[in-house]
Each structure stands twice: as structure tokens, then as C-alpha cells.
């Protein structure tokens, strides 16, 4: 009789949290249940709780996994500021566009009503780091004459973040199947951010 080999706990835990994000992204958070999650992973409901003590703990694990993935999108701080700015936008669009469940964690008001308090703190922290990183890149790029300096970095951040969110699109089952031309739109954004030419009026 063949003996079934159990996967290492760390591997199974990662499979579970990835399944959480898939279910949320493809079917919506209302479809997330113990049975649905067990079916997605291919284990029994009881097996889930050998790796996590509760459904809240599973959600916390999903957020921790998501934050780790988001942290990977921060470009090297030694790159030129404009390159940091565009690379981070590109990285975020690629990650969130391919992972609508992860995008839901960041963008949905429902997430803030569903997730445990500790998970919300993690998401707020990564949002704060992202804002600080982008503002620094904007400020440095403006000082180096790579983008316009007649508008405050905090104001320039709005169209930059808006472009990222628009490129990601609406997460979940309502997300468009047609992906936008990320590079073309990022280049259009850079044109809007470009420094003013001599004689050109600012705001």
C-alpha cells in the first residue's frame, strides 16, 4: 500500500494563503469559506486547521504573504529617481494586475471590514512605505530637473497613483480581460510629468 507523503508545513501554508487570494480574486470574498478553501487546496477542511488555528489566522497569513510580495516591488534605492518611480509603477501594475485577490486587499473598502485588525495595520504600513518611497523619488527627480518642479510632490503623487490604479483595473470577477498597454500609458504619464520648457507657463 502506497504511503501518502505530506508536504512540508511551510509549503502547505503558502499554498493555503495563495488559494485565499485566488478565491477572492476570481469569485469574490463572499465565496471564501472553509469548504471552498479546502477544495481549492485539495485537502480536507480539518487539514486546513492543522496549519492555521482559525480562519482569521488564515486571512492574516494571506495578508503577510501579500505584503511580502508588495515589498518585492520596491526598486533599488540607488537607482536614479525617475527610474525608481517608473519601475515601481511597472512592478505594482504587473503584480496587482496578475493577482486580483491581492489588489482587493489593497483597494477594497470591504477588505477593511473583513480583515483582522493586525492585518489592517500591515496593509496600512505598506501603503505608508509606498507613499514615502514615491514622494522621495518625485522630490529627487524634480530637483534633478527630470520632472516638473512647479507642482508639489504630494500633488504629483495623485496622478501617479491614479495611473497605477487605472492600469491595475477593477479586481475580481468584474475585471476586464483586456490588459492595457502599460508601457504606452507610463510613457504618457512621464510626458505629463516632464519639466516645463522655457517660456512655458506652470500651474
C-alpha atoms as a PDB file:
ATOM      1  CA  UNK A   1       0.000   0.000   0.000  1.00  0.00           C
ATOM      2  CA  UNK A   2       1.429   3.350  -1.013  1.00  0.00           C
ATOM      3  CA  UNK A   3       2.126   5.884   1.721  1.00  0.00           C
ATOM      4  CA  UNK A   4       0.996   9.461   1.136  1.00  0.00           C
ATOM      5  CA  UNK A   5       3.748  11.972   1.754  1.00  0.00           C
ATOM      6  CA  UNK A   6       2.685  15.134   3.487  1.00  0.00           C
ATOM      7  CA  UNK A   7       4.059  18.378   2.152  1.00  0.00           C
ATOM      8  CA  UNK A   8       6.286  20.448   4.455  1.00  0.00           C
ATOM      9  CA  UNK A   9       4.214  22.746   6.668  1.00  0.00           C
ATOM     10  CA  UNK A  10       5.682  25.956   5.227  1.00  0.00           C
ATOM     11  CA  UNK A  11       4.844  24.838   1.688  1.00  0.00           C
ATOM     12  CA  UNK A  12       1.290  23.877   2.616  1.00  0.00           C
ATOM     13  CA  UNK A  13       0.742  27.163   4.485  1.00  0.00           C
ATOM     14  CA  UNK A  14       1.839  29.108   1.411  1.00  0.00           C
ATOM     15  CA  UNK A  15      -0.494  27.069  -0.792  1.00  0.00           C
ATOM     16  CA  UNK A  16      -3.372  27.871   1.554  1.00  0.00           C
ATOM     17  CA  UNK A  17      -2.792  31.639   1.580  1.00  0.00           C
ATOM     18  CA  UNK A  18      -2.311  31.673  -2.193  1.00  0.00           C
ATOM     19  CA  UNK A  19      -5.619  29.839  -2.530  1.00  0.00           C
ATOM     20  CA  UNK A  20      -7.289  32.503  -0.369  1.00  0.00           C
ATOM     21  CA  UNK A  21      -6.128  35.205  -2.776  1.00  0.00           C
ATOM     22  CA  UNK A  22      -7.222  33.179  -5.824  1.00  0.00           C
ATOM     23  CA  UNK A  23     -10.718  32.641  -4.448  1.00  0.00           C
ATOM     24  CA  UNK A  24     -11.118  36.309  -3.530  1.00  0.00           C
ATOM     25  CA  UNK A  25      -9.746  37.451  -6.881  1.00  0.00           C
ATOM     26  CA  UNK A  26     -11.758  35.062  -9.048  1.00  0.00           C
ATOM     27  CA  UNK A  27     -15.017  34.674  -7.114  1.00  0.00           C
ATOM     28  CA  UNK A  28     -15.119  37.481  -4.568  1.00  0.00           C
ATOM     29  CA  UNK A  29     -14.708  37.467  -0.811  1.00  0.00           C
ATOM     30  CA  UNK A  30     -18.239  36.134  -0.262  1.00  0.00           C
ATOM     31  CA  UNK A  31     -17.118  32.867  -1.879  1.00  0.00           C
ATOM     32  CA  UNK A  32     -14.366  32.386   0.702  1.00  0.00           C
ATOM     33  CA  UNK A  33     -15.345  29.624   3.102  1.00  0.00           C
ATOM     34  CA  UNK A  34     -13.576  26.767   4.825  1.00  0.00           C
ATOM     35  CA  UNK A  35     -15.037  24.253   2.375  1.00  0.00           C
ATOM     36  CA  UNK A  36     -14.216  26.348  -0.697  1.00  0.00           C
ATOM     37  CA  UNK A  37     -10.681  26.861   0.537  1.00  0.00           C
ATOM     38  CA  UNK A  38     -10.181  23.171   1.292  1.00  0.00           C
ATOM     39  CA  UNK A  39     -11.438  22.267  -2.202  1.00  0.00           C
ATOM     40  CA  UNK A  40      -9.108  24.822  -3.797  1.00  0.00           C
ATOM     41  CA  UNK A  41      -6.076  23.467  -1.940  1.00  0.00           C
ATOM     42  CA  UNK A  42      -7.115  19.835  -2.329  1.00  0.00           C
ATOM     43  CA  UNK A  43      -7.270  18.934   1.363  1.00  0.00           C
ATOM     44  CA  UNK A  44      -9.973  18.318   3.948  1.00  0.00           C
ATOM     45  CA  UNK A  45     -11.405  21.172   5.982  1.00  0.00           C
ATOM     46  CA  UNK A  46      -9.796  19.718   9.074  1.00  0.00           C
ATOM     47  CA  UNK A  47      -6.385  19.703   7.392  1.00  0.00           C
ATOM     48  CA  UNK A  48      -6.526  23.478   6.992  1.00  0.00           C
ATOM     49  CA  UNK A  49      -6.584  23.895  10.740  1.00  0.00           C
ATOM     50  CA  UNK A  50      -3.515  21.765  11.243  1.00  0.00           C
ATOM     51  CA  UNK A  51      -1.644  24.683   9.667  1.00  0.00           C
ATOM     52  CA  UNK A  52      -3.686  27.630  10.958  1.00  0.00           C
ATOM     53  CA  UNK A  53      -5.691  27.812  14.192  1.00  0.00           C
ATOM     54  CA  UNK A  54      -8.613  29.751  12.678  1.00  0.00           C
ATOM     55  CA  UNK A  55      -9.975  31.379   9.539  1.00  0.00           C
ATOM     56  CA  UNK A  56      -8.796  34.749  10.870  1.00  0.00           C
ATOM     57  CA  UNK A  57      -5.294  33.311  11.147  1.00  0.00           C
ATOM     58  CA  UNK A  58      -5.534  32.162   7.523  1.00  0.00           C
ATOM     59  CA  UNK A  59      -6.519  35.689   6.466  1.00  0.00           C
ATOM     60  CA  UNK A  60      -3.616  37.078   8.481  1.00  0.00           C
ATOM     61  CA  UNK A  61      -1.310  34.666   6.671  1.00  0.00           C
ATOM     62  CA  UNK A  62      -2.678  35.809   3.315  1.00  0.00           C
ATOM     63  CA  UNK A  63      -2.002  39.443   4.193  1.00  0.00           C
ATOM     64  CA  UNK A  64       1.526  38.658   5.411  1.00  0.00           C
ATOM     65  CA  UNK A  65       2.182  36.848   2.113  1.00  0.00           C
ATOM     66  CA  UNK A  66       0.715  39.772   0.140  1.00  0.00           C
ATOM     67  CA  UNK A  67       2.822  42.344   1.986  1.00  0.00           C
ATOM     68  CA  UNK A  68       5.962  40.295   1.289  1.00  0.00           C
ATOM     69  CA  UNK A  69       5.105  40.305  -2.420  1.00  0.00           C
ATOM     70  CA  UNK A  70       4.475  44.062  -2.340  1.00  0.00           C
ATOM     71  CA  UNK A  71       7.808  44.655  -0.631  1.00  0.00           C
ATOM     72  CA  UNK A  72       9.464  42.972  -3.621  1.00  0.00           C
ATOM     73  CA  UNK A  73       8.118  45.728  -5.890  1.00  0.00           C
ATOM     74  CA  UNK A  74      10.262  48.463  -4.314  1.00  0.00           C
ATOM     75  CA  UNK A  75      13.168  49.131  -6.721  1.00  0.00           C
ATOM     76  CA  UNK A  76      16.756  49.530  -5.540  1.00  0.00           C
ATOM     77  CA  UNK A  77      17.073  52.850  -3.709  1.00  0.00           C
ATOM     78  CA  UNK A  78      20.358  53.524  -5.539  1.00  0.00           C
ATOM     79  CA  UNK A  79      18.675  53.791  -8.952  1.00  0.00           C
ATOM     80  CA  UNK A  80      18.083  57.262 -10.457  1.00  0.00           C
ATOM     81  CA  UNK A  81      14.862  58.773  -9.047  1.00  0.00           C
ATOM     82  CA  UNK A  82      12.862  58.781 -12.280  1.00  0.00           C
ATOM     83  CA  UNK A  83      13.813  55.164 -12.902  1.00  0.00           C
ATOM     84  CA  UNK A  84      12.741  54.267  -9.358  1.00  0.00           C
ATOM     85  CA  UNK A  85       9.414  55.958  -9.963  1.00  0.00           C
ATOM     86  CA  UNK A  86       8.614  54.243 -13.246  1.00  0.00           C
ATOM     87  CA  UNK A  87       9.988  50.877 -12.157  1.00  0.00           C
ATOM     88  CA  UNK A  88       7.864  50.844  -9.030  1.00  0.00           C
ATOM     89  CA  UNK A  89       4.763  51.738 -11.044  1.00  0.00           C
ATOM     90  CA  UNK A  90       5.561  48.966 -13.512  1.00  0.00           C
ATOM     91  CA  UNK A  91       6.233  46.438 -10.757  1.00  0.00           C
ATOM     92  CA  UNK A  92       2.995  47.249  -8.945  1.00  0.00           C
ATOM     93  CA  UNK A  93       0.912  47.061 -12.112  1.00  0.00           C
ATOM     94  CA  UNK A  94       2.437  43.709 -13.046  1.00  0.00           C
ATOM     95  CA  UNK A  95       1.932  42.249  -9.574  1.00  0.00           C
ATOM     96  CA  UNK A  96      -1.568  43.539  -8.884  1.00  0.00           C
ATOM     97  CA  UNK A  97      -2.810  43.104 -12.433  1.00  0.00           C
ATOM     98  CA  UNK A  98      -1.939  39.408 -12.315  1.00  0.00           C
ATOM     99  CA  UNK A  99      -3.216  38.956  -8.751  1.00  0.00           C
ATOM    100  CA  UNK A 100      -6.700  40.465  -8.391  1.00  0.00           C
ATOM    101  CA  UNK A 101      -7.071  38.965  -4.914  1.00  0.00           C
ATOM    102  CA  UNK A 102      -4.008  40.854  -3.779  1.00  0.00           C
ATOM    103  CA  UNK A 103      -5.352  44.004  -5.411  1.00  0.00           C
ATOM    104  CA  UNK A 104      -8.590  43.512  -3.474  1.00  0.00           C
ATOM    105  CA  UNK A 105      -6.679  43.545  -0.191  1.00  0.00           C
ATOM    106  CA  UNK A 106      -5.225  46.944  -1.029  1.00  0.00           C
ATOM    107  CA  UNK A 107      -8.117  48.654  -2.743  1.00  0.00           C
ATOM    108  CA  UNK A 108     -11.399  47.319  -1.440  1.00  0.00           C
ATOM    109  CA  UNK A 109     -13.287  49.006   1.377  1.00  0.00           C
ATOM    110  CA  UNK A 110     -14.757  45.580   2.087  1.00  0.00           C
ATOM    111  CA  UNK A 111     -11.280  44.360   2.973  1.00  0.00           C
ATOM    112  CA  UNK A 112     -11.157  46.855   5.810  1.00  0.00           C
ATOM    113  CA  UNK A 113     -14.422  45.439   7.151  1.00  0.00           C
ATOM    114  CA  UNK A 114     -13.366  41.808   6.749  1.00  0.00           C
ATOM    115  CA  UNK A 115      -9.730  41.568   7.808  1.00  0.00           C
ATOM    116  CA  UNK A 116      -8.388  41.238  11.363  1.00  0.00           C
ATOM    117  CA  UNK A 117      -7.003  44.412  12.964  1.00  0.00           C
ATOM    118  CA  UNK A 118      -3.401  43.217  12.808  1.00  0.00           C
ATOM    119  CA  UNK A 119      -3.702  42.602   9.080  1.00  0.00           C
ATOM    120  CA  UNK A 120      -5.118  46.071   8.512  1.00  0.00           C
ATOM    121  CA  UNK A 121      -2.113  47.513  10.325  1.00  0.00           C
ATOM    122  CA  UNK A 122       0.197  45.592   7.967  1.00  0.00           C
ATOM    123  CA  UNK A 123      -1.609  46.917   4.904  1.00  0.00           C
ATOM    124  CA  UNK A 124      -1.582  50.486   6.192  1.00  0.00           C
ATOM    125  CA  UNK A 125       2.132  50.189   6.903  1.00  0.00           C
ATOM    126  CA  UNK A 126       2.994  49.025   3.380  1.00  0.00           C
ATOM    127  CA  UNK A 127       0.791  51.789   1.941  1.00  0.00           C
ATOM    128  CA  UNK A 128       2.674  54.322   4.056  1.00  0.00           C
ATOM    129  CA  UNK A 129       6.046  52.934   2.907  1.00  0.00           C
ATOM    130  CA  UNK A 130       4.895  53.095  -0.705  1.00  0.00           C
ATOM    131  CA  UNK A 131       3.775  56.709  -0.385  1.00  0.00           C
ATOM    132  CA  UNK A 132       7.033  57.721   1.310  1.00  0.00           C
ATOM    133  CA  UNK A 133       9.110  55.935  -1.343  1.00  0.00           C
ATOM    134  CA  UNK A 134       7.257  57.566  -4.236  1.00  0.00           C
ATOM    135  CA  UNK A 135       7.325  61.033  -2.678  1.00  0.00           C
ATOM    136  CA  UNK A 136      11.068  60.800  -2.204  1.00  0.00           C
ATOM    137  CA  UNK A 137      11.562  59.699  -5.818  1.00  0.00           C
ATOM    138  CA  UNK A 138       9.341  62.549  -7.045  1.00  0.00           C
ATOM    139  CA  UNK A 139      11.191  65.142  -4.950  1.00  0.00           C
ATOM    140  CA  UNK A 140      14.620  63.955  -6.080  1.00  0.00           C
ATOM    141  CA  UNK A 141      13.561  63.753  -9.733  1.00  0.00           C
ATOM    142  CA  UNK A 142      12.216  67.317  -9.562  1.00  0.00           C
ATOM    143  CA  UNK A 143      15.458  68.588  -8.009  1.00  0.00           C
ATOM    144  CA  UNK A 144      17.436  66.915 -10.793  1.00  0.00           C
ATOM    145  CA  UNK A 145      15.234  68.503 -13.457  1.00  0.00           C
ATOM    146  CA  UNK A 146      13.787  65.176 -14.623  1.00  0.00           C
ATOM    147  CA  UNK A 147      10.185  66.100 -13.826  1.00  0.00           C
ATOM    148  CA  UNK A 148       8.388  69.394 -13.291  1.00  0.00           C
ATOM    149  CA  UNK A 149       9.123  71.244 -10.070  1.00  0.00           C
ATOM    150  CA  UNK A 150       6.306  73.817 -10.198  1.00  0.00           C
ATOM    151  CA  UNK A 151       3.861  71.355  -8.602  1.00  0.00           C
ATOM    152  CA  UNK A 152       4.341  69.933  -5.109  1.00  0.00           C
ATOM    153  CA  UNK A 153       5.354  66.248  -4.879  1.00  0.00           C
ATOM    154  CA  UNK A 154       2.197  65.495  -2.852  1.00  0.00           C
ATOM    155  CA  UNK A 155       0.079  66.793  -5.735  1.00  0.00           C
ATOM    156  CA  UNK A 156       2.068  64.934  -8.389  1.00  0.00           C
ATOM    157  CA  UNK A 157       1.613  61.746  -6.393  1.00  0.00           C
ATOM    158  CA  UNK A 158      -2.131  61.801  -7.110  1.00  0.00           C
ATOM    159  CA  UNK A 159      -1.947  61.274 -10.912  1.00  0.00           C
ATOM    160  CA  UNK A 160       0.881  58.778 -10.446  1.00  0.00           C
ATOM    161  CA  UNK A 161      -1.146  56.653  -8.035  1.00  0.00           C
ATOM    162  CA  UNK A 162      -4.236  57.149 -10.169  1.00  0.00           C
ATOM    163  CA  UNK A 163      -2.388  55.812 -13.204  1.00  0.00           C
ATOM    164  CA  UNK A 164      -1.251  52.727 -11.292  1.00  0.00           C
ATOM    165  CA  UNK A 165      -4.779  52.038 -10.053  1.00  0.00           C
ATOM    166  CA  UNK A 166      -6.275  52.561 -13.510  1.00  0.00           C
ATOM    167  CA  UNK A 167      -3.775  50.167 -15.073  1.00  0.00           C
ATOM    168  CA  UNK A 168      -4.467  47.509 -12.486  1.00  0.00           C
ATOM    169  CA  UNK A 169      -8.186  47.763 -13.205  1.00  0.00           C
ATOM    170  CA  UNK A 170     -11.024  46.560 -11.061  1.00  0.00           C
ATOM    171  CA  UNK A 171     -10.076  43.348  -9.242  1.00  0.00           C
ATOM    172  CA  UNK A 172     -12.154  40.191  -9.069  1.00  0.00           C
ATOM    173  CA  UNK A 173     -14.750  38.762 -11.429  1.00  0.00           C
ATOM    174  CA  UNK A 174     -15.598  42.158 -12.935  1.00  0.00           C
ATOM    175  CA  UNK A 175     -12.055  42.851 -14.087  1.00  0.00           C
ATOM    176  CA  UNK A 176     -11.641  43.423 -17.810  1.00  0.00           C
ATOM    177  CA  UNK A 177      -9.969  40.607 -19.720  1.00  0.00           C
ATOM    178  CA  UNK A 178      -8.199  43.116 -21.934  1.00  0.00           C
ATOM    179  CA  UNK A 179      -4.969  44.319 -20.368  1.00  0.00           C
ATOM    180  CA  UNK A 180      -3.985  47.935 -21.036  1.00  0.00           C
ATOM    181  CA  UNK A 181      -0.743  48.875 -22.752  1.00  0.00           C
ATOM    182  CA  UNK A 182       1.218  49.570 -19.581  1.00  0.00           C
ATOM    183  CA  UNK A 183       4.359  50.932 -21.217  1.00  0.00           C
ATOM    184  CA  UNK A 184       2.477  53.293 -23.522  1.00  0.00           C
ATOM    185  CA  UNK A 185       0.460  54.716 -20.633  1.00  0.00           C
ATOM    186  CA  UNK A 186       3.523  55.074 -18.400  1.00  0.00           C
ATOM    187  CA  UNK A 187       5.260  56.985 -21.174  1.00  0.00           C
ATOM    188  CA  UNK A 188       2.228  59.275 -21.438  1.00  0.00           C
ATOM    189  CA  UNK A 189       2.448  59.848 -17.682  1.00  0.00           C
ATOM    190  CA  UNK A 190       6.119  60.776 -17.981  1.00  0.00           C
ATOM    191  CA  UNK A 191       5.265  63.313 -20.682  1.00  0.00           C
ATOM    192  CA  UNK A 192       2.768  64.948 -18.327  1.00  0.00           C
ATOM    193  CA  UNK A 193       5.372  64.995 -15.552  1.00  0.00           C
ATOM    194  CA  UNK A 194       8.127  66.371 -17.789  1.00  0.00           C
ATOM    195  CA  UNK A 195       9.724  69.695 -16.768  1.00  0.00           C
ATOM    196  CA  UNK A 196       8.338  72.836 -18.330  1.00  0.00           C
ATOM    197  CA  UNK A 197      10.083  74.189 -21.400  1.00  0.00           C
ATOM    198  CA  UNK A 198      11.494  77.736 -21.371  1.00  0.00           C
ATOM    199  CA  UNK A 199       8.651  80.222 -21.672  1.00  0.00           C
ATOM    200  CA  UNK A 200       6.028  77.600 -20.818  1.00  0.00           C
ATOM    201  CA  UNK A 201       3.693  78.623 -18.001  1.00  0.00           C
ATOM    202  CA  UNK A 202       3.211  76.437 -14.964  1.00  0.00           C
ATOM    203  CA  UNK A 203       0.135  75.975 -12.850  1.00  0.00           C
END
